[in-house]
Protein backbone atom coordinates (compact mmCIF):
# COMPACT_ATOMS: atom_id res chain seq x y z
CA MET A 1 9.83 209.87 -155.40
CA PRO A 2 10.84 209.38 -151.73
CA CYS A 3 9.83 211.96 -149.19
CA PRO A 4 12.77 214.08 -147.95
CA ILE A 5 13.86 213.45 -144.39
CA ARG A 6 13.48 216.47 -142.14
CA LEU A 7 15.60 215.40 -139.17
CA GLU A 8 15.45 218.74 -137.35
CA GLN A 9 11.65 218.90 -137.54
CA ALA A 10 11.36 215.23 -136.61
CA GLY A 11 13.61 215.83 -133.60
CA GLU A 12 11.26 218.54 -132.36
CA TYR A 13 8.31 216.17 -132.56
CA TYR A 14 10.24 213.38 -130.83
CA ARG A 15 11.29 215.71 -128.00
CA LEU A 16 7.71 216.86 -127.57
CA ALA A 17 6.48 213.26 -127.48
CA LEU A 18 9.09 212.38 -124.85
CA THR A 19 8.05 215.29 -122.62
CA LYS A 20 4.55 213.76 -122.62
CA ASN A 21 5.76 210.17 -122.16
CA PRO A 22 9.46 209.65 -121.44
CA ASN A 23 8.89 205.86 -121.42
CA ASN A 24 7.82 205.71 -125.08
CA LEU A 25 10.42 203.27 -126.36
CA LEU A 26 9.37 203.53 -130.00
CA VAL A 27 9.87 207.29 -129.99
CA ARG A 28 13.30 206.78 -128.47
CA SER A 29 14.16 204.16 -131.10
CA TYR A 30 13.06 206.28 -134.05
CA MET A 31 14.78 209.33 -132.60
CA GLY A 32 17.95 207.28 -132.17
CA GLN A 33 17.72 206.03 -135.74
CA GLY A 34 17.42 209.63 -136.89
CA PHE A 35 20.60 210.40 -134.97
CA VAL A 36 22.30 207.47 -136.74
CA GLU A 37 21.25 208.86 -140.12
CA ALA A 38 22.58 212.27 -139.11
CA GLY A 39 25.88 210.73 -138.00
CA ASN A 40 25.36 211.57 -134.31
CA LEU A 41 26.20 208.17 -132.83
CA VAL A 42 26.74 209.56 -129.32
CA ALA A 43 23.13 210.80 -129.18
CA ALA A 44 21.88 207.55 -130.75
CA ARG A 45 23.70 205.51 -128.10
CA GLY A 46 22.16 207.76 -125.47
CA GLN A 47 18.70 206.82 -126.69
CA HIS A 48 19.68 203.14 -126.75
CA ASP A 49 20.87 203.44 -123.15
CA GLU A 50 17.56 205.07 -122.20
CA ILE A 51 15.63 202.22 -123.82
CA LEU A 52 17.64 199.69 -121.84
CA ALA A 53 17.25 201.66 -118.60
CA ARG A 54 13.48 201.71 -119.09
CA GLY A 55 13.20 197.93 -119.44
CA GLY A 56 13.25 197.72 -123.22
CA LYS A 57 15.95 195.08 -123.71
CA GLY A 58 14.90 192.65 -126.44
CA THR A 59 12.02 194.78 -127.72
CA TRP A 60 11.75 195.73 -131.38
CA ALA A 61 12.58 199.31 -130.37
CA GLU A 62 15.84 198.25 -128.74
CA GLU A 63 16.84 195.71 -131.39
CA SER A 64 16.20 198.02 -134.34
CA LEU A 65 18.23 200.83 -132.78
CA ARG A 66 21.03 198.42 -131.86
CA LYS A 67 21.14 197.21 -135.49
CA ALA A 68 21.20 200.79 -136.73
CA LEU A 69 24.12 201.56 -134.42
CA SER A 70 26.07 198.48 -135.50
CA GLY A 71 25.43 198.60 -139.23
CA GLY A 72 23.71 201.83 -140.16
CA GLN A 73 20.46 200.06 -141.19
CA THR A 74 17.51 202.25 -140.19
CA TYR A 75 13.76 201.83 -140.71
CA ARG A 76 11.33 204.23 -142.38
CA TYR A 77 7.60 203.97 -142.80
């Protein structure tokens, strides 16, 4: 049985992680993918823009969030 997604709780952890390291591209990508799952594409695009602004173009973090924004495909581990 899959584990339920707790987007609000996850968002709190992501925000905390970004206060410690705003350049953590993976946190930004996963946070953005959570926004995609929640239907908040504006916030997801904001995280994608932040990844690009921090030199992340072409990284897995950027590509996975870009794919999530274009097709809704997100990643879970």
